[in-house]
């Protein structure tokens, strides 16, 4: 373990990512790591310390241990539509995807979870329409459950 805590390092990463975007107009590729850290700490998940491909953490829900792929998306302009989820590793082993939506300061605002079956149904429908199988944030929200918000914390029926 280094001399800095992970929380301090993530806080500094948020600051640097924001400053870099302001200075260059480009985004540093740190959103996935920030999202993983936030989801694990906010939802009390267990990280995948064994580095088994396909999932980032395990999440105990209703007595069931789910393997979770964690995605993150920073929304810089809420007026812009069509924000995408990012690559979903359909060939790997996972039970659900958790999406951490962050503001321009790289701070979490909302966390959603969708189970594999619902995600695969949407992706299969997209493939039938000759699309790449990508999913928008709006589509993900439609099939997912809201777990946490910055304003309310954990939703009552979660856990």
N, C-alpha and C. Protein backbone atom coordinates (compact mmCIF):
# COMPACT_ATOMS: atom_id res chain seq x y z
N UNK A 1 0.86 -1.18 0.00
CA UNK A 1 0.00 0.00 0.00
C UNK A 1 0.89 1.23 0.00
N UNK A 2 0.52 2.22 -0.79
CA UNK A 2 1.29 3.45 -0.87
C UNK A 2 1.05 4.34 0.33
N UNK A 3 1.61 5.52 0.28
CA UNK A 3 1.47 6.43 1.41
C UNK A 3 0.15 7.22 1.35
N UNK A 4 -0.56 7.15 0.21
CA UNK A 4 -1.82 7.87 0.07
C UNK A 4 -2.98 6.89 0.10
N UNK A 5 -4.10 7.30 0.68
CA UNK A 5 -5.29 6.45 0.67
C UNK A 5 -5.92 6.50 -0.72
N UNK A 6 -6.64 5.46 -1.06
CA UNK A 6 -7.31 5.41 -2.35
C UNK A 6 -8.29 6.57 -2.48
N UNK A 7 -9.00 6.90 -1.41
CA UNK A 7 -9.96 8.01 -1.47
C UNK A 7 -9.27 9.33 -1.79
N UNK A 8 -8.09 9.57 -1.23
CA UNK A 8 -7.35 10.80 -1.54
C UNK A 8 -6.90 10.80 -3.00
N UNK A 9 -6.46 9.66 -3.46
CA UNK A 9 -6.01 9.55 -4.85
C UNK A 9 -7.17 9.78 -5.82
N UNK A 10 -8.33 9.21 -5.52
CA UNK A 10 -9.51 9.40 -6.38
C UNK A 10 -9.93 10.87 -6.37
N UNK A 11 -9.90 11.50 -5.21
CA UNK A 11 -10.26 12.93 -5.12
C UNK A 11 -9.31 13.77 -5.97
N UNK A 12 -8.04 13.46 -5.93
CA UNK A 12 -7.06 14.20 -6.73
C UNK A 12 -7.25 13.89 -8.22
N UNK A 13 -7.59 12.66 -8.55
CA UNK A 13 -7.86 12.29 -9.94
C UNK A 13 -9.04 13.07 -10.48
N UNK A 14 -10.10 13.24 -9.67
CA UNK A 14 -11.26 14.04 -10.08
C UNK A 14 -10.81 15.47 -10.40
N UNK A 15 -10.01 16.05 -9.50
CA UNK A 15 -9.55 17.43 -9.68
C UNK A 15 -8.73 17.57 -10.95
N UNK A 16 -7.79 16.66 -11.15
CA UNK A 16 -6.92 16.72 -12.32
C UNK A 16 -7.73 16.53 -13.61
N UNK A 17 -8.66 15.58 -13.61
CA UNK A 17 -9.49 15.33 -14.80
C UNK A 17 -10.31 16.56 -15.16
N UNK A 18 -10.87 17.23 -14.15
CA UNK A 18 -11.66 18.44 -14.40
C UNK A 18 -10.76 19.55 -14.96
N UNK A 19 -9.62 19.78 -14.34
CA UNK A 19 -8.69 20.82 -14.80
C UNK A 19 -8.18 20.53 -16.21
N UNK A 20 -7.87 19.29 -16.49
CA UNK A 20 -7.40 18.89 -17.81
C UNK A 20 -8.46 19.19 -18.87
N UNK A 21 -9.70 18.86 -18.58
CA UNK A 21 -10.80 19.13 -19.53
C UNK A 21 -10.97 20.62 -19.76
N UNK A 22 -10.88 21.41 -18.69
CA UNK A 22 -10.99 22.86 -18.83
C UNK A 22 -9.85 23.44 -19.65
N UNK A 23 -8.65 22.88 -19.48
CA UNK A 23 -7.47 23.40 -20.18
C UNK A 23 -7.39 22.95 -21.63
N UNK A 24 -7.83 21.72 -21.92
CA UNK A 24 -7.62 21.16 -23.26
C UNK A 24 -8.90 20.88 -24.04
N UNK A 25 -10.02 20.79 -23.34
CA UNK A 25 -11.26 20.39 -23.99
C UNK A 25 -11.35 18.89 -24.20
N UNK A 26 -10.35 18.15 -23.77
CA UNK A 26 -10.32 16.69 -23.90
C UNK A 26 -10.56 16.06 -22.54
N UNK A 27 -10.97 14.80 -22.57
CA UNK A 27 -11.26 14.07 -21.33
C UNK A 27 -10.20 13.02 -21.07
N UNK A 28 -9.65 13.02 -19.87
CA UNK A 28 -8.72 11.96 -19.48
C UNK A 28 -9.49 10.65 -19.33
N UNK A 29 -8.91 9.53 -19.68
CA UNK A 29 -9.62 8.25 -19.59
C UNK A 29 -9.60 7.66 -18.17
N UNK A 30 -10.11 8.42 -17.21
CA UNK A 30 -10.12 7.97 -15.81
C UNK A 30 -11.52 7.67 -15.30
N UNK A 31 -12.54 7.95 -16.10
CA UNK A 31 -13.92 7.76 -15.66
C UNK A 31 -14.21 6.33 -15.19
N UNK A 32 -13.74 5.28 -15.88
CA UNK A 32 -14.04 3.93 -15.41
C UNK A 32 -13.52 3.66 -13.99
N UNK A 33 -12.31 4.07 -13.71
CA UNK A 33 -11.74 3.81 -12.38
C UNK A 33 -12.45 4.60 -11.29
N UNK A 34 -12.82 5.84 -11.59
CA UNK A 34 -13.57 6.64 -10.62
C UNK A 34 -14.93 5.99 -10.37
N UNK A 35 -15.60 5.56 -11.44
CA UNK A 35 -16.92 4.93 -11.31
C UNK A 35 -16.85 3.65 -10.49
N UNK A 36 -15.84 2.83 -10.73
CA UNK A 36 -15.68 1.59 -9.96
C UNK A 36 -15.50 1.92 -8.49
N UNK A 37 -14.62 2.85 -8.19
CA UNK A 37 -14.38 3.25 -6.80
C UNK A 37 -15.66 3.77 -6.14
N UNK A 38 -16.39 4.65 -6.85
CA UNK A 38 -17.61 5.23 -6.30
C UNK A 38 -18.68 4.17 -6.05
N UNK A 39 -18.92 3.31 -7.03
CA UNK A 39 -19.96 2.29 -6.90
C UNK A 39 -19.67 1.35 -5.73
N UNK A 40 -18.42 0.91 -5.64
CA UNK A 40 -18.04 -0.01 -4.57
C UNK A 40 -18.21 0.65 -3.21
N UNK A 41 -17.76 1.88 -3.07
CA UNK A 41 -17.84 2.53 -1.75
C UNK A 41 -19.26 2.95 -1.40
N UNK A 42 -20.02 3.47 -2.35
CA UNK A 42 -21.38 3.94 -2.07
C UNK A 42 -22.33 2.78 -1.80
N UNK A 43 -22.22 1.72 -2.59
CA UNK A 43 -23.17 0.61 -2.48
C UNK A 43 -22.68 -0.52 -1.57
N UNK A 44 -21.44 -0.41 -1.08
CA UNK A 44 -20.91 -1.43 -0.18
C UNK A 44 -20.64 -2.76 -0.86
N UNK A 45 -20.18 -2.70 -2.09
CA UNK A 45 -19.88 -3.92 -2.83
C UNK A 45 -18.48 -4.42 -2.48
N UNK A 46 -18.20 -5.64 -2.89
CA UNK A 46 -16.87 -6.22 -2.71
C UNK A 46 -16.13 -6.16 -4.04
N UNK A 47 -14.93 -5.57 -4.06
CA UNK A 47 -14.19 -5.49 -5.33
C UNK A 47 -13.74 -6.86 -5.81
N UNK A 48 -13.57 -7.00 -7.11
CA UNK A 48 -13.05 -8.22 -7.71
C UNK A 48 -11.52 -8.18 -7.58
N UNK A 49 -11.03 -8.53 -6.42
CA UNK A 49 -9.59 -8.48 -6.16
C UNK A 49 -8.81 -9.57 -6.89
N UNK A 50 -9.52 -10.58 -7.37
CA UNK A 50 -8.86 -11.67 -8.09
C UNK A 50 -8.63 -11.33 -9.55
N UNK A 51 -9.12 -10.17 -9.99
CA UNK A 51 -8.99 -9.72 -11.38
C UNK A 51 -9.51 -10.75 -12.38
N UNK A 52 -10.64 -11.37 -12.04
CA UNK A 52 -11.29 -12.29 -12.96
C UNK A 52 -11.99 -11.44 -14.02
N UNK A 53 -11.75 -11.78 -15.28
CA UNK A 53 -12.30 -10.98 -16.38
C UNK A 53 -13.83 -11.01 -16.38
N UNK A 54 -14.43 -9.88 -16.76
CA UNK A 54 -15.87 -9.82 -16.96
C UNK A 54 -16.63 -9.02 -15.93
N UNK A 55 -16.10 -8.91 -14.72
CA UNK A 55 -16.82 -8.14 -13.71
C UNK A 55 -15.84 -7.41 -12.80
N UNK A 56 -16.35 -6.33 -12.19
CA UNK A 56 -15.51 -5.47 -11.36
C UNK A 56 -15.73 -5.67 -9.87
N UNK A 57 -16.93 -6.16 -9.50
CA UNK A 57 -17.27 -6.30 -8.09
C UNK A 57 -18.39 -7.31 -7.93
N UNK A 58 -18.61 -7.71 -6.68
CA UNK A 58 -19.79 -8.53 -6.36
C UNK A 58 -20.69 -7.71 -5.45
N UNK A 59 -21.99 -7.93 -5.61
CA UNK A 59 -22.99 -7.14 -4.90
C UNK A 59 -24.03 -8.09 -4.32
N UNK A 60 -24.21 -8.02 -3.03
CA UNK A 60 -25.20 -8.85 -2.35
C UNK A 60 -26.56 -8.17 -2.43
N UNK A 61 -27.50 -8.79 -3.14
CA UNK A 61 -28.85 -8.26 -3.29
C UNK A 61 -29.84 -9.38 -2.99
N UNK A 62 -30.68 -9.17 -2.00
CA UNK A 62 -31.73 -10.14 -1.62
C UNK A 62 -31.14 -11.54 -1.43
N UNK A 63 -30.01 -11.63 -0.77
CA UNK A 63 -29.38 -12.91 -0.49
C UNK A 63 -28.65 -13.54 -1.65
N UNK A 64 -28.57 -12.83 -2.76
CA UNK A 64 -27.91 -13.33 -3.96
C UNK A 64 -26.64 -12.52 -4.21
N UNK A 65 -25.56 -13.19 -4.57
CA UNK A 65 -24.31 -12.52 -4.88
C UNK A 65 -24.21 -12.34 -6.39
N UNK A 66 -24.28 -11.08 -6.83
CA UNK A 66 -24.25 -10.78 -8.25
C UNK A 66 -22.87 -10.31 -8.68
N UNK A 67 -22.42 -10.78 -9.83
CA UNK A 67 -21.18 -10.31 -10.44
C UNK A 67 -21.53 -9.07 -11.26
N UNK A 68 -20.86 -7.96 -10.96
CA UNK A 68 -21.23 -6.67 -11.52
C UNK A 68 -20.14 -6.09 -12.41
N UNK A 69 -20.55 -5.71 -13.62
CA UNK A 69 -19.72 -4.87 -14.49
C UNK A 69 -20.08 -3.43 -14.15
N UNK A 70 -19.10 -2.58 -13.89
CA UNK A 70 -19.38 -1.19 -13.52
C UNK A 70 -18.97 -0.28 -14.67
N UNK A 71 -19.91 0.58 -15.07
CA UNK A 71 -19.68 1.55 -16.13
C UNK A 71 -19.83 2.95 -15.54
N UNK A 72 -19.14 3.89 -16.11
CA UNK A 72 -19.27 5.28 -15.69
C UNK A 72 -19.42 6.19 -16.89
N UNK A 73 -20.19 7.25 -16.71
CA UNK A 73 -20.33 8.23 -17.79
C UNK A 73 -20.42 9.61 -17.17
N UNK A 74 -19.58 10.51 -17.65
CA UNK A 74 -19.62 11.90 -17.21
C UNK A 74 -20.49 12.65 -18.20
N UNK A 75 -21.45 13.38 -17.69
CA UNK A 75 -22.35 14.17 -18.53
C UNK A 75 -21.91 15.63 -18.43
N UNK A 76 -21.26 16.12 -19.48
CA UNK A 76 -20.78 17.50 -19.50
C UNK A 76 -21.87 18.45 -19.99
N UNK A 77 -22.71 17.97 -20.90
CA UNK A 77 -23.77 18.81 -21.47
C UNK A 77 -25.07 18.02 -21.45
N UNK A 78 -25.95 18.34 -20.51
CA UNK A 78 -27.19 17.59 -20.36
C UNK A 78 -28.15 17.81 -21.52
N UNK A 79 -27.97 18.88 -22.28
CA UNK A 79 -28.85 19.16 -23.42
C UNK A 79 -28.53 18.23 -24.59
N UNK A 80 -27.30 17.76 -24.64
CA UNK A 80 -26.90 16.86 -25.72
C UNK A 80 -27.52 15.48 -25.47
N UNK A 81 -28.06 14.89 -26.51
CA UNK A 81 -28.68 13.58 -26.39
C UNK A 81 -27.79 12.52 -27.00
N UNK A 82 -28.10 11.28 -26.71
CA UNK A 82 -27.39 10.17 -27.32
C UNK A 82 -26.16 9.72 -26.58
N UNK A 83 -26.00 10.10 -25.32
CA UNK A 83 -24.86 9.61 -24.54
C UNK A 83 -24.91 8.08 -24.54
N UNK A 84 -23.79 7.46 -24.76
CA UNK A 84 -23.72 6.00 -24.87
C UNK A 84 -23.13 5.39 -23.61
N UNK A 85 -23.46 4.13 -23.42
CA UNK A 85 -23.03 3.39 -22.23
C UNK A 85 -21.57 2.96 -22.30
N UNK A 86 -21.07 2.64 -23.42
CA UNK A 86 -19.72 2.09 -23.53
C UNK A 86 -19.80 0.60 -23.81
N UNK A 87 -18.71 -0.01 -24.14
CA UNK A 87 -18.69 -1.40 -24.56
C UNK A 87 -19.16 -2.33 -23.45
N UNK A 88 -20.09 -3.19 -23.80
CA UNK A 88 -20.59 -4.20 -22.88
C UNK A 88 -19.97 -5.53 -23.29
N UNK A 89 -19.27 -6.16 -22.37
CA UNK A 89 -18.58 -7.41 -22.66
C UNK A 89 -19.57 -8.57 -22.54
N UNK A 90 -20.34 -8.78 -23.60
CA UNK A 90 -21.41 -9.78 -23.55
C UNK A 90 -20.89 -11.21 -23.46
N UNK A 91 -19.69 -11.45 -23.92
CA UNK A 91 -19.15 -12.81 -23.93
C UNK A 91 -18.57 -13.22 -22.57
N UNK A 92 -18.46 -12.28 -21.65
CA UNK A 92 -17.87 -12.59 -20.36
C UNK A 92 -18.94 -12.84 -19.29
N UNK A 93 -18.49 -13.36 -18.15
CA UNK A 93 -19.40 -13.74 -17.08
C UNK A 93 -19.70 -12.54 -16.17
N UNK A 94 -20.98 -12.15 -16.13
CA UNK A 94 -21.47 -11.10 -15.24
C UNK A 94 -22.97 -11.23 -15.13
N UNK A 95 -23.53 -10.69 -14.05
CA UNK A 95 -24.96 -10.83 -13.79
C UNK A 95 -25.73 -9.52 -14.00
N UNK A 96 -25.06 -8.40 -13.83
CA UNK A 96 -25.71 -7.09 -13.94
C UNK A 96 -24.66 -6.03 -14.25
N UNK A 97 -25.16 -4.89 -14.72
CA UNK A 97 -24.29 -3.73 -14.96
C UNK A 97 -24.79 -2.61 -14.07
N UNK A 98 -23.85 -1.97 -13.41
CA UNK A 98 -24.14 -0.77 -12.64
C UNK A 98 -23.53 0.40 -13.39
N UNK A 99 -24.34 1.44 -13.57
CA UNK A 99 -23.92 2.66 -14.26
C UNK A 99 -23.86 3.80 -13.26
N UNK A 100 -22.69 4.43 -13.16
CA UNK A 100 -22.50 5.61 -12.33
C UNK A 100 -22.49 6.82 -13.25
N UNK A 101 -23.47 7.68 -13.08
CA UNK A 101 -23.54 8.91 -13.87
C UNK A 101 -22.94 10.03 -13.04
N UNK A 102 -21.96 10.72 -13.65
CA UNK A 102 -21.23 11.77 -12.95
C UNK A 102 -21.45 13.12 -13.61
N UNK A 103 -21.25 14.18 -12.82
CA UNK A 103 -21.35 15.54 -13.35
C UNK A 103 -19.98 15.97 -13.90
N UNK A 104 -19.87 17.20 -14.34
CA UNK A 104 -18.65 17.70 -14.96
C UNK A 104 -17.47 17.79 -13.99
N UNK A 105 -17.76 17.67 -12.68
CA UNK A 105 -16.70 17.63 -11.67
C UNK A 105 -16.27 16.21 -11.36
N UNK A 106 -16.78 15.25 -12.13
CA UNK A 106 -16.50 13.83 -11.95
C UNK A 106 -17.01 13.31 -10.60
N UNK A 107 -18.09 13.92 -10.13
CA UNK A 107 -18.73 13.49 -8.88
C UNK A 107 -19.99 12.71 -9.22
N UNK A 108 -20.26 11.61 -8.50
CA UNK A 108 -21.43 10.80 -8.81
C UNK A 108 -22.73 11.54 -8.50
N UNK A 109 -23.70 11.40 -9.40
CA UNK A 109 -25.02 11.99 -9.21
C UNK A 109 -26.11 10.93 -9.11
N UNK A 110 -25.97 9.86 -9.89
CA UNK A 110 -26.95 8.78 -9.88
C UNK A 110 -26.25 7.46 -10.14
N UNK A 111 -26.83 6.40 -9.58
CA UNK A 111 -26.34 5.04 -9.84
C UNK A 111 -27.53 4.16 -10.18
N UNK A 112 -27.43 3.46 -11.31
CA UNK A 112 -28.48 2.58 -11.80
C UNK A 112 -27.93 1.16 -11.94
N UNK A 113 -28.84 0.17 -11.87
CA UNK A 113 -28.44 -1.21 -12.10
C UNK A 113 -29.47 -1.91 -12.99
N UNK A 114 -28.97 -2.64 -13.98
CA UNK A 114 -29.82 -3.46 -14.85
C UNK A 114 -29.25 -4.87 -14.88
N UNK A 115 -30.14 -5.83 -14.88
CA UNK A 115 -29.73 -7.25 -14.92
C UNK A 115 -29.38 -7.65 -16.36
N UNK A 116 -28.60 -8.69 -16.45
CA UNK A 116 -28.08 -9.16 -17.73
C UNK A 116 -29.20 -9.45 -18.74
N UNK A 117 -30.26 -10.12 -18.31
CA UNK A 117 -31.34 -10.50 -19.25
C UNK A 117 -31.93 -9.28 -19.95
N UNK A 118 -32.22 -8.23 -19.18
CA UNK A 118 -32.80 -7.02 -19.77
C UNK A 118 -31.83 -6.36 -20.75
N UNK A 119 -30.56 -6.33 -20.37
CA UNK A 119 -29.54 -5.73 -21.24
C UNK A 119 -29.39 -6.52 -22.54
N UNK A 120 -29.33 -7.83 -22.42
CA UNK A 120 -29.15 -8.67 -23.60
C UNK A 120 -30.36 -8.56 -24.53
N UNK A 121 -31.57 -8.43 -23.97
CA UNK A 121 -32.77 -8.24 -24.81
C UNK A 121 -32.66 -6.97 -25.63
N UNK A 122 -32.23 -5.87 -25.01
CA UNK A 122 -32.09 -4.60 -25.73
C UNK A 122 -31.01 -4.71 -26.80
N UNK A 123 -29.88 -5.31 -26.45
CA UNK A 123 -28.79 -5.44 -27.42
C UNK A 123 -29.19 -6.33 -28.60
N UNK A 124 -29.94 -7.39 -28.32
CA UNK A 124 -30.40 -8.28 -29.38
C UNK A 124 -31.35 -7.55 -30.33
N UNK A 125 -32.24 -6.75 -29.77
CA UNK A 125 -33.17 -5.96 -30.59
C UNK A 125 -32.40 -4.97 -31.47
N UNK A 126 -31.36 -4.35 -30.93
CA UNK A 126 -30.55 -3.41 -31.70
C UNK A 126 -29.86 -4.13 -32.86
N UNK A 127 -29.36 -5.34 -32.60
CA UNK A 127 -28.68 -6.09 -33.67
C UNK A 127 -29.65 -6.42 -34.80
N UNK A 128 -30.91 -6.70 -34.46
CA UNK A 128 -31.92 -7.00 -35.48
C UNK A 128 -32.14 -5.80 -36.39
N UNK A 129 -31.95 -4.62 -35.86
CA UNK A 129 -32.14 -3.40 -36.64
C UNK A 129 -30.85 -2.92 -37.29
N UNK A 130 -29.86 -3.82 -37.43
CA UNK A 130 -28.59 -3.53 -38.08
C UNK A 130 -27.79 -2.43 -37.39
N UNK A 131 -27.88 -2.35 -36.10
CA UNK A 131 -27.07 -1.39 -35.36
C UNK A 131 -25.91 -2.16 -34.71
N UNK A 132 -25.00 -1.44 -34.13
CA UNK A 132 -23.81 -2.05 -33.56
C UNK A 132 -24.05 -2.73 -32.22
N UNK A 133 -25.24 -2.62 -31.68
CA UNK A 133 -25.49 -3.23 -30.38
C UNK A 133 -25.15 -2.30 -29.24
N UNK A 134 -24.87 -1.05 -29.54
CA UNK A 134 -24.58 -0.09 -28.48
C UNK A 134 -25.87 0.30 -27.79
N UNK A 135 -25.76 0.80 -26.58
CA UNK A 135 -26.93 1.21 -25.82
C UNK A 135 -26.73 2.64 -25.34
N UNK A 136 -27.79 3.43 -25.43
CA UNK A 136 -27.71 4.80 -24.92
C UNK A 136 -27.98 4.79 -23.42
N UNK A 137 -27.58 5.88 -22.77
CA UNK A 137 -27.86 6.05 -21.34
C UNK A 137 -29.38 6.04 -21.12
N UNK A 138 -30.13 6.69 -22.00
CA UNK A 138 -31.59 6.73 -21.87
C UNK A 138 -32.18 5.33 -21.93
N UNK A 139 -31.70 4.49 -22.85
CA UNK A 139 -32.19 3.11 -22.93
C UNK A 139 -31.86 2.33 -21.66
N UNK A 140 -30.64 2.54 -21.16
CA UNK A 140 -30.22 1.84 -19.95
C UNK A 140 -31.11 2.24 -18.77
N UNK A 141 -31.40 3.53 -18.64
CA UNK A 141 -32.25 4.00 -17.55
C UNK A 141 -33.64 3.37 -17.61
N UNK A 142 -34.17 3.17 -18.83
CA UNK A 142 -35.50 2.59 -18.99
C UNK A 142 -35.59 1.16 -18.45
N UNK A 143 -34.52 0.40 -18.57
CA UNK A 143 -34.57 -1.00 -18.14
C UNK A 143 -33.93 -1.23 -16.79
N UNK A 144 -33.42 -0.19 -16.17
CA UNK A 144 -32.67 -0.36 -14.93
C UNK A 144 -33.45 0.12 -13.72
N UNK A 145 -32.86 -0.13 -12.57
CA UNK A 145 -33.41 0.32 -11.29
C UNK A 145 -32.49 1.40 -10.73
N UNK A 146 -33.07 2.49 -10.27
CA UNK A 146 -32.30 3.56 -9.64
C UNK A 146 -31.91 3.09 -8.24
N UNK A 147 -30.60 3.02 -7.98
CA UNK A 147 -30.12 2.55 -6.68
C UNK A 147 -29.77 3.67 -5.72
N UNK A 148 -29.25 4.79 -6.28
CA UNK A 148 -28.71 5.85 -5.43
C UNK A 148 -28.77 7.17 -6.18
N UNK A 149 -29.04 8.24 -5.44
CA UNK A 149 -28.91 9.59 -6.00
C UNK A 149 -28.14 10.45 -5.02
N UNK A 150 -27.50 11.46 -5.56
CA UNK A 150 -26.75 12.40 -4.72
C UNK A 150 -27.68 13.07 -3.71
N UNK A 151 -28.90 13.39 -4.12
CA UNK A 151 -29.84 14.08 -3.25
C UNK A 151 -30.41 13.19 -2.15
N UNK A 152 -30.77 11.94 -2.48
CA UNK A 152 -31.49 11.07 -1.54
C UNK A 152 -30.66 9.95 -0.94
N UNK A 153 -29.47 9.71 -1.47
CA UNK A 153 -28.69 8.57 -1.00
C UNK A 153 -29.28 7.27 -1.55
N UNK A 154 -29.13 6.18 -0.79
CA UNK A 154 -29.65 4.88 -1.22
C UNK A 154 -31.16 4.92 -1.27
N UNK A 155 -31.70 4.33 -2.32
CA UNK A 155 -33.15 4.22 -2.45
C UNK A 155 -33.64 3.20 -1.43
N UNK A 156 -34.84 3.36 -0.93
CA UNK A 156 -35.38 2.55 0.16
C UNK A 156 -35.44 1.05 -0.15
N UNK A 157 -35.83 0.69 -1.37
CA UNK A 157 -36.03 -0.73 -1.67
C UNK A 157 -34.76 -1.44 -2.13
N UNK A 158 -33.62 -0.78 -2.06
CA UNK A 158 -32.35 -1.38 -2.43
C UNK A 158 -31.77 -2.07 -1.19
N UNK A 159 -31.00 -3.10 -1.41
CA UNK A 159 -30.28 -3.85 -0.38
C UNK A 159 -31.11 -4.91 0.26
